[in-house]
């Protein structure tokens, strides 16, 4: 759910390239860097699937009740939560990816607006998983709470080798056929907000970390 390598060029008809895009991993986060020519970068319009918003609101409520602080600035970066086809699989993964928390960094080279960089986050959930388990299933709650943990707290994954708890929600993979896990999911959700567990999960990259990536230097028109 973290890494996607690739390189795409977007060409505007008869005007040469207007945007160069590179997707890479930064401290375990999938980050898509966009270099935009002659135009100021724009945040995408807010796009929230109503069913996914219900999970977001429940996540925020449970985090608040547990005393887990969500930074409003980080929370505001989440602008898109959608169900889509063919969520990209993590390289080396043995199965499809159920969901992704993506971080976007759009940088302008406009002479008028100067060197400006915008950041935002998106959550994409694979449509096949929704069809298989149902939107209101424990499996979907697991997927959404996992991705919201990434996007809300800017945390990466737990290392399964450093924690004996087999059902920690922030492990990088999950067995969706594990009946015991989903039977006891409310217990594990409660655990995910505890200081003890959160302290074991490494932080994701800051906006400063992303801005310093050598990948920016490789994005040339």
C-alpha atoms as a PDB file:
ATOM      1  CA  UNK A   1       0.000   0.000   0.000  1.00  0.00           C
ATOM      2  CA  UNK A   2       3.007   2.259   0.018  1.00  0.00           C
ATOM      3  CA  UNK A   3       5.172   1.976  -3.066  1.00  0.00           C
ATOM      4  CA  UNK A   4       4.457   2.613  -6.691  1.00  0.00           C
ATOM      5  CA  UNK A   5       7.194   3.248  -9.213  1.00  0.00           C
ATOM      6  CA  UNK A   6       6.513   4.725 -12.577  1.00  0.00           C
ATOM      7  CA  UNK A   7       6.965   7.701 -14.810  1.00  0.00           C
ATOM      8  CA  UNK A   8       4.407   9.465 -16.951  1.00  0.00           C
ATOM      9  CA  UNK A   9       4.507  12.432 -19.266  1.00  0.00           C
ATOM     10  CA  UNK A  10       1.414  14.487 -19.900  1.00  0.00           C
ATOM     11  CA  UNK A  11       1.575  16.354 -23.213  1.00  0.00           C
ATOM     12  CA  UNK A  12      -0.593  19.336 -24.104  1.00  0.00           C
ATOM     13  CA  UNK A  13      -1.439  19.448 -27.811  1.00  0.00           C
ATOM     14  CA  UNK A  14       0.942  21.680 -29.775  1.00  0.00           C
ATOM     15  CA  UNK A  15       2.197  23.349 -26.611  1.00  0.00           C
ATOM     16  CA  UNK A  16       4.760  20.884 -25.348  1.00  0.00           C
ATOM     17  CA  UNK A  17       4.712  19.250 -21.915  1.00  0.00           C
ATOM     18  CA  UNK A  18       2.752  21.088 -19.221  1.00  0.00           C
ATOM     19  CA  UNK A  19       3.197  18.611 -16.397  1.00  0.00           C
ATOM     20  CA  UNK A  20       5.775  15.987 -15.531  1.00  0.00           C
ATOM     21  CA  UNK A  21       4.754  13.370 -12.976  1.00  0.00           C
ATOM     22  CA  UNK A  22       6.898  10.930 -11.013  1.00  0.00           C
ATOM     23  CA  UNK A  23       5.636   8.485  -8.394  1.00  0.00           C
ATOM     24  CA  UNK A  24       8.096   7.228  -5.820  1.00  0.00           C
ATOM     25  CA  UNK A  25       8.416   6.016  -2.243  1.00  0.00           C
ATOM     26  CA  UNK A  26       9.449   8.489   0.432  1.00  0.00           C
ATOM     27  CA  UNK A  27      10.035   6.943   3.854  1.00  0.00           C
ATOM     28  CA  UNK A  28       7.513   4.230   3.047  1.00  0.00           C
ATOM     29  CA  UNK A  29       4.823   6.565   1.652  1.00  0.00           C
ATOM     30  CA  UNK A  30       3.647   6.609  -1.927  1.00  0.00           C
ATOM     31  CA  UNK A  31       4.239  10.195  -3.087  1.00  0.00           C
ATOM     32  CA  UNK A  32       3.363  11.515  -6.517  1.00  0.00           C
ATOM     33  CA  UNK A  33       5.389  14.583  -7.485  1.00  0.00           C
ATOM     34  CA  UNK A  34       3.993  16.882 -10.155  1.00  0.00           C
ATOM     35  CA  UNK A  35       6.098  19.561 -11.822  1.00  0.00           C
ATOM     36  CA  UNK A  36       3.796  22.060 -13.546  1.00  0.00           C
ATOM     37  CA  UNK A  37       5.032  24.463 -16.213  1.00  0.00           C
ATOM     38  CA  UNK A  38       3.835  28.060 -16.614  1.00  0.00           C
ATOM     39  CA  UNK A  39       0.817  27.609 -14.342  1.00  0.00           C
ATOM     40  CA  UNK A  40       0.233  27.761 -10.612  1.00  0.00           C
ATOM     41  CA  UNK A  41      -0.509  24.360  -9.041  1.00  0.00           C
ATOM     42  CA  UNK A  42      -4.113  23.770  -8.052  1.00  0.00           C
ATOM     43  CA  UNK A  43      -5.579  21.609  -5.320  1.00  0.00           C
ATOM     44  CA  UNK A  44      -8.031  19.033  -6.655  1.00  0.00           C
ATOM     45  CA  UNK A  45     -11.712  19.665  -5.961  1.00  0.00           C
ATOM     46  CA  UNK A  46     -13.039  17.963  -2.845  1.00  0.00           C
ATOM     47  CA  UNK A  47     -14.352  14.517  -3.774  1.00  0.00           C
ATOM     48  CA  UNK A  48     -15.731  12.314  -1.009  1.00  0.00           C
ATOM     49  CA  UNK A  49     -17.768   9.164  -1.489  1.00  0.00           C
ATOM     50  CA  UNK A  50     -20.582   9.452   1.114  1.00  0.00           C
ATOM     51  CA  UNK A  51     -20.080   5.861   2.286  1.00  0.00           C
ATOM     52  CA  UNK A  52     -16.372   6.479   2.834  1.00  0.00           C
ATOM     53  CA  UNK A  53     -17.081   9.750   4.652  1.00  0.00           C
ATOM     54  CA  UNK A  54     -19.039   7.749   7.234  1.00  0.00           C
ATOM     55  CA  UNK A  55     -15.880   5.741   7.973  1.00  0.00           C
ATOM     56  CA  UNK A  56     -13.852   8.966   8.184  1.00  0.00           C
ATOM     57  CA  UNK A  57     -16.266  10.507  10.671  1.00  0.00           C
ATOM     58  CA  UNK A  58     -16.327   7.339  12.787  1.00  0.00           C
ATOM     59  CA  UNK A  59     -12.516   7.216  12.734  1.00  0.00           C
ATOM     60  CA  UNK A  60     -12.258  10.841  13.883  1.00  0.00           C
ATOM     61  CA  UNK A  61     -14.832  10.254  16.626  1.00  0.00           C
ATOM     62  CA  UNK A  62     -13.070   7.193  18.006  1.00  0.00           C
ATOM     63  CA  UNK A  63      -9.674   8.895  17.840  1.00  0.00           C
ATOM     64  CA  UNK A  64     -11.007  11.884  19.783  1.00  0.00           C
ATOM     65  CA  UNK A  65     -12.625   9.655  22.411  1.00  0.00           C
ATOM     66  CA  UNK A  66      -9.312   7.823  22.835  1.00  0.00           C
ATOM     67  CA  UNK A  67      -7.396  11.100  23.206  1.00  0.00           C
ATOM     68  CA  UNK A  68      -5.450  10.637  19.960  1.00  0.00           C
ATOM     69  CA  UNK A  69      -4.845  14.117  18.538  1.00  0.00           C
ATOM     70  CA  UNK A  70      -5.372  14.646  14.816  1.00  0.00           C
ATOM     71  CA  UNK A  71      -3.422  17.658  13.543  1.00  0.00           C
ATOM     72  CA  UNK A  72      -5.991  19.889  11.753  1.00  0.00           C
ATOM     73  CA  UNK A  73      -3.409  20.890   9.130  1.00  0.00           C
ATOM     74  CA  UNK A  74      -2.715  17.250   8.245  1.00  0.00           C
ATOM     75  CA  UNK A  75      -6.419  16.398   8.365  1.00  0.00           C
ATOM     76  CA  UNK A  76      -7.202  19.197   5.911  1.00  0.00           C
ATOM     77  CA  UNK A  77      -4.792  17.699   3.367  1.00  0.00           C
ATOM     78  CA  UNK A  78      -7.192  14.809   2.754  1.00  0.00           C
ATOM     79  CA  UNK A  79      -9.239  16.031  -0.209  1.00  0.00           C
ATOM     80  CA  UNK A  80     -10.304  12.850  -2.000  1.00  0.00           C
ATOM     81  CA  UNK A  81     -11.823   9.549  -0.787  1.00  0.00           C
ATOM     82  CA  UNK A  82     -13.102   7.403  -3.652  1.00  0.00           C
ATOM     83  CA  UNK A  83     -13.829   3.854  -4.716  1.00  0.00           C
ATOM     84  CA  UNK A  84     -12.089   3.076  -7.985  1.00  0.00           C
ATOM     85  CA  UNK A  85     -11.119   0.248 -10.294  1.00  0.00           C
ATOM     86  CA  UNK A  86      -7.648  -1.249 -10.329  1.00  0.00           C
ATOM     87  CA  UNK A  87      -5.932   0.334  -7.344  1.00  0.00           C
ATOM     88  CA  UNK A  88      -2.244  -0.256  -8.184  1.00  0.00           C
ATOM     89  CA  UNK A  89      -0.640  -3.224  -6.460  1.00  0.00           C
ATOM     90  CA  UNK A  90       2.428  -2.667  -4.373  1.00  0.00           C
ATOM     91  CA  UNK A  91       5.523  -3.959  -6.232  1.00  0.00           C
ATOM     92  CA  UNK A  92       6.412  -7.388  -4.901  1.00  0.00           C
ATOM     93  CA  UNK A  93       2.958  -7.928  -3.400  1.00  0.00           C
ATOM     94  CA  UNK A  94       1.410 -11.354  -3.857  1.00  0.00           C
ATOM     95  CA  UNK A  95      -2.119 -10.019  -4.186  1.00  0.00           C
ATOM     96  CA  UNK A  96      -4.102  -6.919  -5.112  1.00  0.00           C
ATOM     97  CA  UNK A  97      -4.034  -3.760  -3.021  1.00  0.00           C
ATOM     98  CA  UNK A  98      -7.256  -3.094  -1.121  1.00  0.00           C
ATOM     99  CA  UNK A  99      -6.578   0.593  -0.500  1.00  0.00           C
ATOM    100  CA  UNK A 100      -4.001   3.356  -0.742  1.00  0.00           C
ATOM    101  CA  UNK A 101      -3.285   6.601   1.048  1.00  0.00           C
ATOM    102  CA  UNK A 102      -1.508   8.697  -1.574  1.00  0.00           C
ATOM    103  CA  UNK A 103       0.386  11.917  -0.948  1.00  0.00           C
ATOM    104  CA  UNK A 104       0.621  14.447  -3.768  1.00  0.00           C
ATOM    105  CA  UNK A 105       3.108  17.298  -4.125  1.00  0.00           C
ATOM    106  CA  UNK A 106       2.508  19.726  -7.000  1.00  0.00           C
ATOM    107  CA  UNK A 107       5.232  22.268  -7.727  1.00  0.00           C
ATOM    108  CA  UNK A 108       5.036  25.184 -10.150  1.00  0.00           C
ATOM    109  CA  UNK A 109       7.786  26.702 -12.266  1.00  0.00           C
ATOM    110  CA  UNK A 110       5.600  29.637 -13.261  1.00  0.00           C
ATOM    111  CA  UNK A 111       7.448  32.931 -13.761  1.00  0.00           C
ATOM    112  CA  UNK A 112       4.396  34.801 -12.471  1.00  0.00           C
ATOM    113  CA  UNK A 113       3.625  32.779  -9.334  1.00  0.00           C
ATOM    114  CA  UNK A 114       7.174  31.711  -8.602  1.00  0.00           C
ATOM    115  CA  UNK A 115       8.248  28.392  -7.104  1.00  0.00           C
ATOM    116  CA  UNK A 116       5.115  27.218  -5.287  1.00  0.00           C
ATOM    117  CA  UNK A 117       4.418  23.731  -3.896  1.00  0.00           C
ATOM    118  CA  UNK A 118       1.042  22.364  -2.770  1.00  0.00           C
ATOM    119  CA  UNK A 119       0.462  19.146  -0.846  1.00  0.00           C
ATOM    120  CA  UNK A 120      -2.637  16.989  -0.450  1.00  0.00           C
ATOM    121  CA  UNK A 121      -3.698  13.406   0.261  1.00  0.00           C
ATOM    122  CA  UNK A 122      -6.148  10.997  -1.322  1.00  0.00           C
ATOM    123  CA  UNK A 123      -7.573   7.623  -0.266  1.00  0.00           C
ATOM    124  CA  UNK A 124      -8.417   5.155  -3.023  1.00  0.00           C
ATOM    125  CA  UNK A 125     -10.311   1.920  -2.257  1.00  0.00           C
ATOM    126  CA  UNK A 126     -10.508  -0.927  -4.726  1.00  0.00           C
ATOM    127  CA  UNK A 127     -14.004  -1.522  -6.104  1.00  0.00           C
ATOM    128  CA  UNK A 128     -13.538  -5.299  -6.206  1.00  0.00           C
ATOM    129  CA  UNK A 129     -13.056  -5.420  -2.428  1.00  0.00           C
ATOM    130  CA  UNK A 130     -16.229  -3.407  -1.901  1.00  0.00           C
ATOM    131  CA  UNK A 131     -18.153  -5.805  -4.140  1.00  0.00           C
ATOM    132  CA  UNK A 132     -16.704  -8.863  -2.433  1.00  0.00           C
ATOM    133  CA  UNK A 133     -17.228  -7.895   1.213  1.00  0.00           C
ATOM    134  CA  UNK A 134     -19.844  -5.130   1.158  1.00  0.00           C
ATOM    135  CA  UNK A 135     -19.408  -1.451   1.956  1.00  0.00           C
ATOM    136  CA  UNK A 136     -20.506  -1.814   5.584  1.00  0.00           C
ATOM    137  CA  UNK A 137     -18.508  -4.966   6.360  1.00  0.00           C
ATOM    138  CA  UNK A 138     -15.774  -5.321   9.005  1.00  0.00           C
ATOM    139  CA  UNK A 139     -13.300  -5.819   6.156  1.00  0.00           C
ATOM    140  CA  UNK A 140     -14.148  -2.413   4.719  1.00  0.00           C
ATOM    141  CA  UNK A 141     -13.842  -0.822   8.152  1.00  0.00           C
ATOM    142  CA  UNK A 142     -10.398  -2.395   8.439  1.00  0.00           C
ATOM    143  CA  UNK A 143      -9.325  -1.021   5.049  1.00  0.00           C
ATOM    144  CA  UNK A 144     -10.615   2.494   5.711  1.00  0.00           C
ATOM    145  CA  UNK A 145      -9.277   2.739   9.266  1.00  0.00           C
ATOM    146  CA  UNK A 146      -5.885   1.514   8.052  1.00  0.00           C
ATOM    147  CA  UNK A 147      -5.702   4.124   5.283  1.00  0.00           C
ATOM    148  CA  UNK A 148      -7.121   6.891   7.476  1.00  0.00           C
ATOM    149  CA  UNK A 149      -4.451   6.132  10.053  1.00  0.00           C
ATOM    150  CA  UNK A 150      -1.875   6.797   7.345  1.00  0.00           C
ATOM    151  CA  UNK A 151      -3.539   9.991   6.144  1.00  0.00           C
ATOM    152  CA  UNK A 152      -4.702  11.399   9.492  1.00  0.00           C
ATOM    153  CA  UNK A 153      -1.581  10.720  11.564  1.00  0.00           C
ATOM    154  CA  UNK A 154       1.055  10.644   8.812  1.00  0.00           C
ATOM    155  CA  UNK A 155       2.241   7.247  10.045  1.00  0.00           C
ATOM    156  CA  UNK A 156       3.644   4.380   7.976  1.00  0.00           C
ATOM    157  CA  UNK A 157       3.394   0.653   8.790  1.00  0.00           C
ATOM    158  CA  UNK A 158       4.260  -1.378  11.846  1.00  0.00           C
ATOM    159  CA  UNK A 159       7.045  -3.889  11.439  1.00  0.00           C
ATOM    160  CA  UNK A 160       5.498  -7.317  12.184  1.00  0.00           C
ATOM    161  CA  UNK A 161       8.878  -8.469  13.485  1.00  0.00           C
ATOM    162  CA  UNK A 162       8.844  -5.908  16.305  1.00  0.00           C
ATOM    163  CA  UNK A 163       5.342  -6.589  17.650  1.00  0.00           C
ATOM    164  CA  UNK A 164       3.915  -9.852  18.925  1.00  0.00           C
ATOM    165  CA  UNK A 165       0.300  -8.727  18.469  1.00  0.00           C
ATOM    166  CA  UNK A 166      -0.819 -10.651  15.399  1.00  0.00           C
ATOM    167  CA  UNK A 167      -3.787  -8.451  14.610  1.00  0.00           C
ATOM    168  CA  UNK A 168      -2.354  -4.933  14.716  1.00  0.00           C
ATOM    169  CA  UNK A 169      -4.245  -2.901  12.132  1.00  0.00           C
ATOM    170  CA  UNK A 170      -1.164  -1.076  10.880  1.00  0.00           C
ATOM    171  CA  UNK A 171       0.685  -4.146   9.651  1.00  0.00           C
ATOM    172  CA  UNK A 172       1.451  -3.874   5.898  1.00  0.00           C
ATOM    173  CA  UNK A 173      -0.785  -6.840   4.982  1.00  0.00           C
ATOM    174  CA  UNK A 174      -3.834  -8.685   6.295  1.00  0.00           C
ATOM    175  CA  UNK A 175      -5.587 -12.012   5.807  1.00  0.00           C
ATOM    176  CA  UNK A 176      -9.162 -11.051   4.935  1.00  0.00           C
ATOM    177  CA  UNK A 177     -10.259 -14.608   5.655  1.00  0.00           C
ATOM    178  CA  UNK A 178      -9.139 -14.407   9.295  1.00  0.00           C
ATOM    179  CA  UNK A 179     -12.460 -14.775  11.143  1.00  0.00           C
ATOM    180  CA  UNK A 180     -10.939 -14.187  14.580  1.00  0.00           C
ATOM    181  CA  UNK A 181      -9.477 -10.853  13.472  1.00  0.00           C
ATOM    182  CA  UNK A 182     -12.741  -9.442  12.184  1.00  0.00           C
ATOM    183  CA  UNK A 183     -14.762 -10.866  15.066  1.00  0.00           C
ATOM    184  CA  UNK A 184     -12.574  -8.889  17.467  1.00  0.00           C
ATOM    185  CA  UNK A 185     -12.042  -5.870  15.219  1.00  0.00           C
ATOM    186  CA  UNK A 186     -13.505  -3.325  17.710  1.00  0.00           C
ATOM    187  CA  UNK A 187     -10.868  -4.408  20.233  1.00  0.00           C
ATOM    188  CA  UNK A 188      -8.033  -3.945  17.750  1.00  0.00           C
ATOM    189  CA  UNK A 189      -9.397  -0.599  16.603  1.00  0.00           C
ATOM    190  CA  UNK A 190      -9.346   0.556  20.232  1.00  0.00           C
ATOM    191  CA  UNK A 191      -5.733  -0.567  20.522  1.00  0.00           C
ATOM    192  CA  UNK A 192      -4.627   1.328  17.436  1.00  0.00           C
ATOM    193  CA  UNK A 193      -5.206   4.703  19.119  1.00  0.00           C
ATOM    194  CA  UNK A 194      -3.211   3.920  22.262  1.00  0.00           C
ATOM    195  CA  UNK A 195       0.062   5.827  22.852  1.00  0.00           C
ATOM    196  CA  UNK A 196       1.839   2.489  23.283  1.00  0.00           C
ATOM    197  CA  UNK A 197       0.983   1.321  19.779  1.00  0.00           C
ATOM    198  CA  UNK A 198       1.262   4.685  18.061  1.00  0.00           C
ATOM    199  CA  UNK A 199       4.753   5.199  19.471  1.00  0.00           C
ATOM    200  CA  UNK A 200       5.896   2.044  17.685  1.00  0.00           C
ATOM    201  CA  UNK A 201       4.728   3.213  14.269  1.00  0.00           C
ATOM    202  CA  UNK A 202       7.308   5.370  12.422  1.00  0.00           C
ATOM    203  CA  UNK A 203       6.306   8.798  11.151  1.00  0.00           C
ATOM    204  CA  UNK A 204       5.789   9.331   7.447  1.00  0.00           C
ATOM    205  CA  UNK A 205       7.585  12.068   5.504  1.00  0.00           C
ATOM    206  CA  UNK A 206       6.940  15.708   6.301  1.00  0.00           C
ATOM    207  CA  UNK A 207       6.322  18.244   3.559  1.00  0.00           C
ATOM    208  CA  UNK A 208       9.938  19.345   4.069  1.00  0.00           C
ATOM    209  CA  UNK A 209      11.131  15.757   3.543  1.00  0.00           C
ATOM    210  CA  UNK A 210       9.182  15.531   0.297  1.00  0.00           C
ATOM    211  CA  UNK A 211      10.431  18.901  -0.942  1.00  0.00           C
ATOM    212  CA  UNK A 212      14.037  17.794  -0.420  1.00  0.00           C
ATOM    213  CA  UNK A 213      13.655  14.629  -2.488  1.00  0.00           C
ATOM    214  CA  UNK A 214      16.179  14.318  -5.326  1.00  0.00           C
ATOM    215  CA  UNK A 215      13.233  13.274  -7.476  1.00  0.00           C
ATOM    216  CA  UNK A 216      12.329  16.937  -7.841  1.00  0.00           C
ATOM    217  CA  UNK A 217      15.636  17.578  -9.591  1.00  0.00           C
ATOM    218  CA  UNK A 218      14.943  14.791 -12.076  1.00  0.00           C
ATOM    219  CA  UNK A 219      11.623  16.279 -13.158  1.00  0.00           C
ATOM    220  CA  UNK A 220      12.644  18.293 -16.202  1.00  0.00           C
ATOM    221  CA  UNK A 221      10.621  19.640 -19.117  1.00  0.00           C
END
